[in-house]
Amino acid sequence: MLDELKNSPFKALASLGKTFCQWKEEIVRMWRFRKSNGITEGFHRKMKLIQRRAYGFRNFENYRTRVRVLCC
């Protein structure tokens, strides 16, 4: 099927086939292990939001305390 996509006369399908072939191992791993870094990304997003709202804390300890309160 991937060969059919890569040899397609349509540029978009040929490009899709090439992309799938290049990322084949990663795609298989995604379905095999089913792990995500969503929780980490969520915490990172909250930390960025805290930083934007604060416009800079007076010291790092205040920032760290705020992150711990809101993320844990």
PDB file of N, CA and C in Angstrom:
ATOM      1  N   MET A   1       0.821  -1.191   0.000  1.00  0.00           N
ATOM      2  CA  MET A   1       0.000   0.000   0.000  1.00  0.00           C
ATOM      3  C   MET A   1       0.873   1.267   0.000  1.00  0.00           C
ATOM      4  N   LEU A   2       1.946   1.232   0.773  1.00  0.00           N
ATOM      5  CA  LEU A   2       2.827   2.400   0.801  1.00  0.00           C
ATOM      6  C   LEU A   2       3.476   2.630  -0.559  1.00  0.00           C
ATOM      7  N   ASP A   3       3.816   1.537  -1.238  1.00  0.00           N
ATOM      8  CA  ASP A   3       4.408   1.678  -2.573  1.00  0.00           C
ATOM      9  C   ASP A   3       3.412   2.299  -3.549  1.00  0.00           C
ATOM     10  N   GLU A   4       2.142   1.929  -3.410  1.00  0.00           N
ATOM     11  CA  GLU A   4       1.111   2.508  -4.276  1.00  0.00           C
ATOM     12  C   GLU A   4       0.985   4.006  -4.032  1.00  0.00           C
ATOM     13  N   LEU A   5       1.036   4.399  -2.764  1.00  0.00           N
ATOM     14  CA  LEU A   5       0.966   5.830  -2.448  1.00  0.00           C
ATOM     15  C   LEU A   5       2.180   6.567  -3.006  1.00  0.00           C
ATOM     16  N   LYS A   6       3.363   6.013  -2.791  1.00  0.00           N
ATOM     17  CA  LYS A   6       4.585   6.678  -3.263  1.00  0.00           C
ATOM     18  C   LYS A   6       4.618   6.807  -4.785  1.00  0.00           C
ATOM     19  N   ASN A   7       4.017   5.850  -5.492  1.00  0.00           N
ATOM     20  CA  ASN A   7       4.034   5.867  -6.958  1.00  0.00           C
ATOM     21  C   ASN A   7       2.777   6.484  -7.556  1.00  0.00           C
ATOM     22  N   SER A   8       1.983   7.132  -6.739  1.00  0.00           N
ATOM     23  CA  SER A   8       0.743   7.742  -7.212  1.00  0.00           C
ATOM     24  C   SER A   8       1.041   8.911  -8.158  1.00  0.00           C
ATOM     25  N   PRO A   9       0.190   9.115  -9.165  1.00  0.00           N
ATOM     26  CA  PRO A   9       0.392  10.254 -10.065  1.00  0.00           C
ATOM     27  C   PRO A   9       0.042  11.593  -9.402  1.00  0.00           C
ATOM     28  N   PHE A  10      -0.654  11.526  -8.286  1.00  0.00           N
ATOM     29  CA  PHE A  10      -1.028  12.749  -7.573  1.00  0.00           C
ATOM     30  C   PHE A  10       0.087  13.122  -6.598  1.00  0.00           C
ATOM     31  N   LYS A  11       0.531  14.369  -6.679  1.00  0.00           N
ATOM     32  CA  LYS A  11       1.657  14.813  -5.844  1.00  0.00           C
ATOM     33  C   LYS A  11       1.363  14.670  -4.352  1.00  0.00           C
ATOM     34  N   ALA A  12       0.144  15.019  -3.962  1.00  0.00           N
ATOM     35  CA  ALA A  12      -0.204  14.974  -2.540  1.00  0.00           C
ATOM     36  C   ALA A  12      -0.127  13.543  -2.003  1.00  0.00           C
ATOM     37  N   LEU A  13      -0.635  12.578  -2.761  1.00  0.00           N
ATOM     38  CA  LEU A  13      -0.589  11.185  -2.311  1.00  0.00           C
ATOM     39  C   LEU A  13       0.833  10.644  -2.319  1.00  0.00           C
ATOM     40  N   ALA A  14       1.619  11.023  -3.313  1.00  0.00           N
ATOM     41  CA  ALA A  14       3.014  10.585  -3.363  1.00  0.00           C
ATOM     42  C   ALA A  14       3.788  11.141  -2.165  1.00  0.00           C
ATOM     43  N   SER A  15       3.511  12.390  -1.823  1.00  0.00           N
ATOM     44  CA  SER A  15       4.164  13.012  -0.673  1.00  0.00           C
ATOM     45  C   SER A  15       3.742  12.317   0.627  1.00  0.00           C
ATOM     46  N   LEU A  16       2.463  11.980   0.724  1.00  0.00           N
ATOM     47  CA  LEU A  16       1.957  11.272   1.904  1.00  0.00           C
ATOM     48  C   LEU A  16       2.634   9.908   2.038  1.00  0.00           C
ATOM     49  N   GLY A  17       2.757   9.188   0.930  1.00  0.00           N
ATOM     50  CA  GLY A  17       3.425   7.892   0.956  1.00  0.00           C
ATOM     51  C   GLY A  17       4.876   8.001   1.388  1.00  0.00           C
ATOM     52  N   LYS A  18       5.555   9.015   0.898  1.00  0.00           N
ATOM     53  CA  LYS A  18       6.957   9.235   1.274  1.00  0.00           C
ATOM     54  C   LYS A  18       7.070   9.541   2.772  1.00  0.00           C
ATOM     55  N   THR A  19       6.169  10.371   3.263  1.00  0.00           N
ATOM     56  CA  THR A  19       6.175  10.727   4.682  1.00  0.00           C
ATOM     57  C   THR A  19       5.924   9.500   5.548  1.00  0.00           C
ATOM     58  N   PHE A  20       4.931   8.692   5.174  1.00  0.00           N
ATOM     59  CA  PHE A  20       4.651   7.473   5.933  1.00  0.00           C
ATOM     60  C   PHE A  20       5.858   6.542   5.960  1.00  0.00           C
ATOM     61  N   CYS A  21       6.540   6.413   4.840  1.00  0.00           N
ATOM     62  CA  CYS A  21       7.721   5.540   4.795  1.00  0.00           C
ATOM     63  C   CYS A  21       8.831   6.065   5.705  1.00  0.00           C
ATOM     64  N   GLN A  22       9.010   7.373   5.739  1.00  0.00           N
ATOM     65  CA  GLN A  22      10.063   7.958   6.568  1.00  0.00           C
ATOM     66  C   GLN A  22       9.744   7.828   8.060  1.00  0.00           C
ATOM     67  N   TRP A  23       8.473   7.875   8.426  1.00  0.00           N
ATOM     68  CA  TRP A  23       8.059   7.850   9.825  1.00  0.00           C
ATOM     69  C   TRP A  23       7.473   6.502  10.238  1.00  0.00           C
ATOM     70  N   LYS A  24       7.683   5.483   9.442  1.00  0.00           N
ATOM     71  CA  LYS A  24       7.068   4.173   9.659  1.00  0.00           C
ATOM     72  C   LYS A  24       7.372   3.606  11.053  1.00  0.00           C
ATOM     73  N   GLU A  25       8.634   3.596  11.447  1.00  0.00           N
ATOM     74  CA  GLU A  25       9.009   3.033  12.753  1.00  0.00           C
ATOM     75  C   GLU A  25       8.367   3.797  13.904  1.00  0.00           C
ATOM     76  N   GLU A  26       8.354   5.117  13.818  1.00  0.00           N
ATOM     77  CA  GLU A  26       7.772   5.927  14.884  1.00  0.00           C
ATOM     78  C   GLU A  26       6.269   5.695  14.989  1.00  0.00           C
ATOM     79  N   ILE A  27       5.602   5.567  13.854  1.00  0.00           N
ATOM     80  CA  ILE A  27       4.154   5.322  13.858  1.00  0.00           C
ATOM     81  C   ILE A  27       3.853   3.968  14.484  1.00  0.00           C
ATOM     82  N   VAL A  28       4.634   2.958  14.140  1.00  0.00           N
ATOM     83  CA  VAL A  28       4.433   1.622  14.717  1.00  0.00           C
ATOM     84  C   VAL A  28       4.672   1.657  16.223  1.00  0.00           C
ATOM     85  N   ARG A  29       5.718   2.357  16.665  1.00  0.00           N
ATOM     86  CA  ARG A  29       5.993   2.472  18.104  1.00  0.00           C
ATOM     87  C   ARG A  29       4.849   3.145  18.840  1.00  0.00           C
ATOM     88  N   MET A  30       4.256   4.167  18.216  1.00  0.00           N
ATOM     89  CA  MET A  30       3.154   4.880  18.856  1.00  0.00           C
ATOM     90  C   MET A  30       2.009   3.917  19.163  1.00  0.00           C
ATOM     91  N   TRP A  31       1.673   3.056  18.223  1.00  0.00           N
ATOM     92  CA  TRP A  31       0.563   2.122  18.424  1.00  0.00           C
ATOM     93  C   TRP A  31       0.965   0.957  19.320  1.00  0.00           C
ATOM     94  N   ARG A  32       2.245   0.620  19.340  1.00  0.00           N
ATOM     95  CA  ARG A  32       2.691  -0.515  20.142  1.00  0.00           C
ATOM     96  C   ARG A  32       2.767  -0.171  21.628  1.00  0.00           C
ATOM     97  N   PHE A  33       3.326   0.975  21.960  1.00  0.00           N
ATOM     98  CA  PHE A  33       3.561   1.311  23.359  1.00  0.00           C
ATOM     99  C   PHE A  33       2.455   2.154  23.974  1.00  0.00           C
ATOM    100  N   ARG A  34       1.728   2.909  23.186  1.00  0.00           N
ATOM    101  CA  ARG A  34       0.592   3.715  23.652  1.00  0.00           C
ATOM    102  C   ARG A  34       0.926   4.587  24.868  1.00  0.00           C
ATOM    103  N   LYS A  35       2.053   5.221  24.855  1.00  0.00           N
ATOM    104  CA  LYS A  35       2.411   6.142  25.932  1.00  0.00           C
ATOM    105  C   LYS A  35       2.374   7.557  25.391  1.00  0.00           C
ATOM    106  N   SER A  36       2.083   8.483  26.272  1.00  0.00           N
ATOM    107  CA  SER A  36       1.962   9.871  25.853  1.00  0.00           C
ATOM    108  C   SER A  36       2.651  10.766  26.874  1.00  0.00           C
ATOM    109  N   ASN A  37       3.090  11.912  26.421  1.00  0.00           N
ATOM    110  CA  ASN A  37       3.672  12.886  27.338  1.00  0.00           C
ATOM    111  C   ASN A  37       2.670  14.011  27.600  1.00  0.00           C
ATOM    112  N   GLY A  38       1.390  13.708  27.471  1.00  0.00           N
ATOM    113  CA  GLY A  38       0.347  14.709  27.646  1.00  0.00           C
ATOM    114  C   GLY A  38       0.342  15.353  29.024  1.00  0.00           C
ATOM    115  N   ILE A  39       0.582  14.574  30.058  1.00  0.00           N
ATOM    116  CA  ILE A  39       0.586  15.118  31.423  1.00  0.00           C
ATOM    117  C   ILE A  39       1.721  16.121  31.578  1.00  0.00           C
ATOM    118  N   THR A  40       2.891  15.767  31.085  1.00  0.00           N
ATOM    119  CA  THR A  40       4.038  16.677  31.153  1.00  0.00           C
ATOM    120  C   THR A  40       3.759  17.952  30.375  1.00  0.00           C
ATOM    121  N   GLU A  41       3.182  17.814  29.187  1.00  0.00           N
ATOM    122  CA  GLU A  41       2.855  18.987  28.374  1.00  0.00           C
ATOM    123  C   GLU A  41       1.831  19.869  29.089  1.00  0.00           C
ATOM    124  N   GLY A  42       0.884  19.258  29.790  1.00  0.00           N
ATOM    125  CA  GLY A  42      -0.110  20.028  30.538  1.00  0.00           C
ATOM    126  C   GLY A  42       0.521  20.848  31.652  1.00  0.00           C
ATOM    127  N   PHE A  43       1.440  20.227  32.399  1.00  0.00           N
ATOM    128  CA  PHE A  43       2.141  20.961  33.455  1.00  0.00           C
ATOM    129  C   PHE A  43       2.963  22.099  32.866  1.00  0.00           C
ATOM    130  N   HIS A  44       3.618  21.840  31.744  1.00  0.00           N
ATOM    131  CA  HIS A  44       4.432  22.868  31.096  1.00  0.00           C
ATOM    132  C   HIS A  44       3.558  24.044  30.675  1.00  0.00           C
ATOM    133  N   ARG A  45       2.383  23.753  30.154  1.00  0.00           N
ATOM    134  CA  ARG A  45       1.458  24.810  29.739  1.00  0.00           C
ATOM    135  C   ARG A  45       1.007  25.647  30.937  1.00  0.00           C
ATOM    136  N   LYS A  46       0.705  24.978  32.060  1.00  0.00           N
ATOM    137  CA  LYS A  46       0.304  25.710  33.262  1.00  0.00           C
ATOM    138  C   LYS A  46       1.425  26.619  33.747  1.00  0.00           C
ATOM    139  N   MET A  47       2.654  26.121  33.706  1.00  0.00           N
ATOM    140  CA  MET A  47       3.789  26.926  34.154  1.00  0.00           C
ATOM    141  C   MET A  47       3.959  28.163  33.280  1.00  0.00           C
ATOM    142  N   LYS A  48       3.781  28.005  31.974  1.00  0.00           N
ATOM    143  CA  LYS A  48       3.886  29.157  31.076  1.00  0.00           C
ATOM    144  C   LYS A  48       2.769  30.163  31.352  1.00  0.00           C
ATOM    145  N   LEU A  49       1.570  29.657  31.633  1.00  0.00           N
ATOM    146  CA  LEU A  49       0.451  30.541  31.940  1.00  0.00           C
ATOM    147  C   LEU A  49       0.721  31.328  33.221  1.00  0.00           C
ATOM    148  N   ILE A  50       1.243  30.660  34.238  1.00  0.00           N
ATOM    149  CA  ILE A  50       1.589  31.338  35.494  1.00  0.00           C
ATOM    150  C   ILE A  50       2.611  32.432  35.226  1.00  0.00           C
ATOM    151  N   GLN A  51       3.599  32.127  34.418  1.00  0.00           N
ATOM    152  CA  GLN A  51       4.650  33.092  34.113  1.00  0.00           C
ATOM    153  C   GLN A  51       4.079  34.298  33.369  1.00  0.00           C
ATOM    154  N   ARG A  52       3.161  34.060  32.430  1.00  0.00           N
ATOM    155  CA  ARG A  52       2.558  35.171  31.681  1.00  0.00           C
ATOM    156  C   ARG A  52       1.718  36.061  32.585  1.00  0.00           C
ATOM    157  N   ARG A  53       0.961  35.444  33.475  1.00  0.00           N
ATOM    158  CA  ARG A  53       0.092  36.218  34.367  1.00  0.00           C
ATOM    159  C   ARG A  53       0.889  37.033  35.375  1.00  0.00           C
ATOM    160  N   ALA A  54       2.045  36.528  35.777  1.00  0.00           N
ATOM    161  CA  ALA A  54       2.807  37.156  36.850  1.00  0.00           C
ATOM    162  C   ALA A  54       3.639  38.330  36.384  1.00  0.00           C
ATOM    163  N   TYR A  55       3.996  38.363  35.098  1.00  0.00           N
ATOM    164  CA  TYR A  55       4.906  39.386  34.577  1.00  0.00           C
ATOM    165  C   TYR A  55       6.170  39.458  35.415  1.00  0.00           C
ATOM    166  N   GLY A  56       6.611  38.297  35.883  1.00  0.00           N
ATOM    167  CA  GLY A  56       7.862  38.221  36.639  1.00  0.00           C
ATOM    168  C   GLY A  56       7.618  38.299  38.134  1.00  0.00           C
ATOM    169  N   PHE A  57       8.047  37.293  38.843  1.00  0.00           N
ATOM    170  CA  PHE A  57       7.962  37.313  40.299  1.00  0.00           C
ATOM    171  C   PHE A  57       9.200  38.000  40.849  1.00  0.00           C
ATOM    172  N   ARG A  58       9.127  38.403  42.094  1.00  0.00           N
ATOM    173  CA  ARG A  58      10.266  39.087  42.698  1.00  0.00           C
ATOM    174  C   ARG A  58      11.454  38.141  42.861  1.00  0.00           C
ATOM    175  N   ASN A  59      11.167  36.878  43.109  1.00  0.00           N
ATOM    176  CA  ASN A  59      12.254  35.899  43.187  1.00  0.00           C
ATOM    177  C   ASN A  59      11.753  34.536  42.711  1.00  0.00           C
ATOM    178  N   PHE A  60      12.685  33.650  42.463  1.00  0.00           N
ATOM    179  CA  PHE A  60      12.350  32.343  41.907  1.00  0.00           C
ATOM    180  C   PHE A  60      11.536  31.508  42.884  1.00  0.00           C
ATOM    181  N   GLU A  61      11.774  31.668  44.167  1.00  0.00           N
ATOM    182  CA  GLU A  61      11.058  30.873  45.173  1.00  0.00           C
ATOM    183  C   GLU A  61       9.551  31.131  45.111  1.00  0.00           C
ATOM    184  N   ASN A  62       9.158  32.379  44.893  1.00  0.00           N
ATOM    185  CA  ASN A  62       7.729  32.688  44.762  1.00  0.00           C
ATOM    186  C   ASN A  62       7.134  32.007  43.534  1.00  0.00           C
ATOM    187  N   TYR A  63       7.865  32.018  42.437  1.00  0.00           N
ATOM    188  CA  TYR A  63       7.411  31.363  41.208  1.00  0.00           C
ATOM    189  C   TYR A  63       7.263  29.858  41.438  1.00  0.00           C
ATOM    190  N   ARG A  64       8.271  29.257  42.059  1.00  0.00           N
ATOM    191  CA  ARG A  64       8.245  27.817  42.312  1.00  0.00           C
ATOM    192  C   ARG A  64       7.081  27.438  43.227  1.00  0.00           C
ATOM    193  N   THR A  65       6.819  28.241  44.236  1.00  0.00           N
ATOM    194  CA  THR A  65       5.701  27.980  45.135  1.00  0.00           C
ATOM    195  C   THR A  65       4.380  28.038  44.382  1.00  0.00           C
ATOM    196  N   ARG A  66       4.213  29.021  43.526  1.00  0.00           N
ATOM    197  CA  ARG A  66       2.983  29.157  42.746  1.00  0.00           C
ATOM    198  C   ARG A  66       2.786  27.959  41.824  1.00  0.00           C
ATOM    199  N   VAL A  67       3.855  27.503  41.190  1.00  0.00           N
ATOM    200  CA  VAL A  67       3.768  26.333  40.304  1.00  0.00           C
ATOM    201  C   VAL A  67       3.355  25.102  41.094  1.00  0.00           C
ATOM    202  N   ARG A  68       3.951  24.896  42.245  1.00  0.00           N
ATOM    203  CA  ARG A  68       3.608  23.723  43.064  1.00  0.00           C
ATOM    204  C   ARG A  68       2.158  23.761  43.527  1.00  0.00           C
ATOM    205  N   VAL A  69       1.672  24.918  43.890  1.00  0.00           N
ATOM    206  CA  VAL A  69       0.289  25.032  44.358  1.00  0.00           C
ATOM    207  C   VAL A  69      -0.693  24.734  43.232  1.00  0.00           C
ATOM    208  N   LEU A  70      -0.441  25.265  42.049  1.00  0.00           N
ATOM    209  CA  LEU A  70      -1.396  25.120  40.958  1.00  0.00           C
ATOM    210  C   LEU A  70      -1.257  23.817  40.180  1.00  0.00           C
ATOM    211  N   CYS A  71      -0.102  23.200  40.188  1.00  0.00           N
ATOM    212  CA  CYS A  71       0.103  21.983  39.386  1.00  0.00           C
ATOM    213  C   CYS A  71      -0.006  20.694  40.197  1.00  0.00           C
ATOM    214  N   CYS A  72       0.081  20.772  41.485  1.00  0.00           N
ATOM    215  CA  CYS A  72       0.078  19.517  42.267  1.00  0.00           C
ATOM    216  C   CYS A  72      -1.184  19.294  43.028  1.00  0.00           C
TER     217      CYS A  72
END
